[in-house]
Amino acid sequence: MPGDTIKCHDADDAAQVHEDLCRGGYETEFIYEMDGVKGIWIEIKGKERTEMAELNIDTFGEIMDDFIEKNHIQMLIDIPEGTNEPQIKDNAQLGGVVQFYILLSAMKPIYKDIHDKLLDHSRHEDFIDGILQVVKNELMEVAEGEGGEDDGKL
């Protein structure tokens, strides 16, 4: 096993493989380009881990940050004329996991701009609660099968 490389289908698969290998005591390394092909691979190192790295939101963030940094990932959101349906493209070609992470990362500077230019600073918590409620409602529509790509919902 040490020295082997495993091709992962997407970021979720990579996180699961990483966690399984760590449980087995293996040190791993993420590879984001191999032989000129972009993707996610995990190389199994020969050194056994002395403690297992817990897969949590922080570990996931580190994996995603490392992937985005090493691969110059870009994402474009376009709303074609005459519609309100966003079309999202990225050069990672790994789908929603990378796109969602980029959107989450973008929320902080977007909110800072709103906060600095428009917001009544005494009501920032109400504003954030309102945004989160709108996002929750939109995502619940998708989860319940009411929204989707065809109707422009999130």
Protein backbone atom coordinates (compact mmCIF):
# COMPACT_ATOMS: atom_id res chain seq x y z
CA MET A 1 0.00 0.00 0.00
CA PRO A 2 2.65 2.66 0.77
CA GLY A 3 3.51 4.41 -2.48
CA ASP A 4 0.11 3.59 -4.05
CA THR A 5 -2.02 6.39 -5.48
CA ILE A 6 -5.82 6.35 -5.36
CA LYS A 7 -7.90 8.35 -7.88
CA CYS A 8 -10.89 9.95 -6.15
CA HIS A 9 -14.16 10.79 -7.90
CA ASP A 10 -14.68 14.13 -6.14
CA ALA A 11 -13.87 16.06 -2.95
CA ASP A 12 -16.36 14.03 -0.89
CA ASP A 13 -14.79 10.77 -2.06
CA ALA A 14 -11.30 12.13 -1.27
CA ALA A 15 -12.37 13.09 2.24
CA GLN A 16 -13.81 9.61 2.84
CA VAL A 17 -10.73 7.80 1.46
CA HIS A 18 -8.47 10.06 3.53
CA GLU A 19 -10.45 9.32 6.68
CA ASP A 20 -10.42 5.56 6.02
CA LEU A 21 -6.67 5.53 5.44
CA CYS A 22 -6.01 7.61 8.56
CA ARG A 23 -8.07 5.13 10.58
CA GLY A 24 -5.83 2.42 9.18
CA GLY A 25 -2.79 4.31 10.45
CA TYR A 26 -1.50 5.64 7.12
CA GLU A 27 -0.05 9.06 6.35
CA THR A 28 -1.54 10.46 3.13
CA GLU A 29 -0.90 13.31 0.75
CA PHE A 30 -3.38 14.94 -1.61
CA ILE A 31 -2.34 15.32 -5.26
CA TYR A 32 -4.36 17.65 -7.49
CA GLU A 33 -2.65 17.13 -10.83
CA MET A 34 -1.06 13.96 -12.16
CA ASP A 35 0.49 13.52 -15.59
CA GLY A 36 -1.08 16.82 -16.70
CA VAL A 37 -4.59 15.75 -15.63
CA LYS A 38 -6.42 17.72 -12.94
CA GLY A 39 -8.36 15.83 -10.31
CA ILE A 40 -7.94 14.53 -6.79
CA TRP A 41 -5.66 11.63 -5.92
CA ILE A 42 -4.43 10.43 -2.56
CA GLU A 43 -0.91 9.10 -2.26
CA ILE A 44 -0.41 6.62 0.54
CA LYS A 45 2.80 7.32 2.44
CA GLY A 46 4.86 4.62 4.13
CA LYS A 47 4.98 6.34 7.51
CA GLU A 48 2.18 5.30 9.83
CA ARG A 49 0.35 8.01 11.67
CA THR A 50 0.66 8.10 15.41
CA GLU A 51 -2.74 9.74 15.79
CA MET A 52 -5.69 9.94 13.46
CA ALA A 53 -6.61 13.28 11.97
CA GLU A 54 -10.29 13.89 12.62
CA LEU A 55 -12.31 14.74 9.55
CA ASN A 56 -14.33 17.79 10.49
CA ILE A 57 -15.24 21.13 8.96
CA ASP A 58 -11.75 22.52 9.69
CA THR A 59 -10.00 19.55 8.04
CA PHE A 60 -12.35 19.81 5.07
CA GLY A 61 -11.56 23.54 4.83
CA GLU A 62 -7.83 22.82 4.83
CA ILE A 63 -8.25 20.26 2.05
CA MET A 64 -10.34 22.66 -0.04
CA ASP A 65 -8.05 25.65 0.56
CA ASP A 66 -5.03 23.56 -0.43
CA PHE A 67 -6.80 22.29 -3.57
CA ILE A 68 -7.94 25.77 -4.64
CA GLU A 69 -4.54 27.33 -3.97
CA LYS A 70 -2.51 24.67 -5.80
CA ASN A 71 -4.80 24.53 -8.83
CA HIS A 72 -5.73 28.20 -9.40
CA ILE A 73 -9.42 27.34 -9.30
CA GLN A 74 -11.76 29.93 -10.75
CA MET A 75 -15.52 30.09 -10.76
CA LEU A 76 -17.77 32.18 -12.97
CA ILE A 77 -21.38 32.94 -12.18
CA ASP A 78 -23.27 34.25 -15.18
CA ILE A 79 -26.89 35.31 -15.40
CA PRO A 80 -27.79 35.30 -19.09
CA GLU A 81 -29.75 38.23 -20.42
CA GLY A 82 -33.50 37.79 -20.11
CA THR A 83 -33.33 35.31 -17.23
CA ASN A 84 -32.67 35.23 -13.51
CA GLU A 85 -31.17 31.74 -13.61
CA PRO A 86 -27.50 31.71 -12.59
CA GLN A 87 -25.20 29.47 -14.56
CA ILE A 88 -22.09 28.39 -12.67
CA LYS A 89 -18.87 27.20 -14.28
CA ASP A 90 -15.52 26.39 -12.75
CA ASN A 91 -12.24 25.02 -14.02
CA ALA A 92 -12.07 22.32 -11.32
CA GLN A 93 -14.84 20.27 -12.95
CA LEU A 94 -15.58 18.69 -9.58
CA GLY A 95 -19.09 20.02 -9.26
CA GLY A 96 -21.06 21.40 -6.38
CA VAL A 97 -18.68 20.70 -3.48
CA VAL A 98 -15.98 23.06 -4.80
CA GLN A 99 -18.54 25.62 -5.97
CA PHE A 100 -20.32 25.62 -2.61
CA TYR A 101 -17.04 26.04 -0.74
CA ILE A 102 -16.06 28.98 -2.96
CA LEU A 103 -19.45 30.62 -2.37
CA LEU A 104 -19.08 30.18 1.40
CA SER A 105 -15.59 31.69 1.25
CA ALA A 106 -16.95 34.65 -0.73
CA MET A 107 -19.65 35.47 1.83
CA LYS A 108 -17.28 37.21 4.24
CA PRO A 109 -15.96 39.88 1.81
CA ILE A 110 -19.45 40.35 0.34
CA TYR A 111 -20.94 40.92 3.78
CA LYS A 112 -18.08 43.27 4.70
CA ASP A 113 -18.87 45.39 1.64
CA ILE A 114 -22.58 45.50 2.53
CA HIS A 115 -21.72 46.25 6.14
CA ASP A 116 -19.34 49.08 5.23
CA LYS A 117 -21.58 50.74 2.62
CA LEU A 118 -25.21 50.06 3.37
CA LEU A 119 -25.94 48.55 6.71
CA ASP A 120 -27.23 50.25 9.81
CA HIS A 121 -24.48 48.92 12.08
CA SER A 122 -26.81 48.57 15.05
CA ARG A 123 -28.86 45.96 13.15
CA HIS A 124 -26.17 43.72 11.68
CA GLU A 125 -27.29 40.62 13.62
CA ASP A 126 -30.87 40.99 12.34
CA PHE A 127 -29.54 41.39 8.80
CA ILE A 128 -27.41 38.22 9.07
CA ASP A 129 -30.36 36.27 10.55
CA GLY A 130 -32.51 37.44 7.63
CA ILE A 131 -29.95 36.34 5.04
CA LEU A 132 -29.60 32.94 6.69
CA GLN A 133 -33.37 32.48 6.73
CA VAL A 134 -33.61 33.27 3.00
CA VAL A 135 -30.80 30.80 2.24
CA LYS A 136 -32.44 28.14 4.41
CA ASN A 137 -35.81 28.62 2.69
CA GLU A 138 -34.24 28.35 -0.79
CA LEU A 139 -32.25 25.23 0.14
CA MET A 140 -35.29 23.61 1.76
CA GLU A 141 -37.20 24.04 -1.51
CA VAL A 142 -34.47 22.09 -3.30
CA ALA A 143 -34.37 19.45 -0.56
CA GLU A 144 -38.13 19.01 -0.79
CA GLY A 145 -38.03 18.78 -4.58
CA GLU A 146 -39.71 22.10 -5.26
CA GLY A 147 -36.71 23.97 -6.66
CA GLY A 148 -33.91 23.14 -8.99
CA GLU A 149 -31.91 24.22 -11.98
CA ASP A 150 -34.91 24.45 -14.26
CA ASP A 151 -36.71 27.10 -12.22
CA GLY A 152 -33.67 29.20 -11.25
CA LYS A 153 -33.87 28.38 -7.56
CA LEU A 154 -30.74 27.62 -5.57
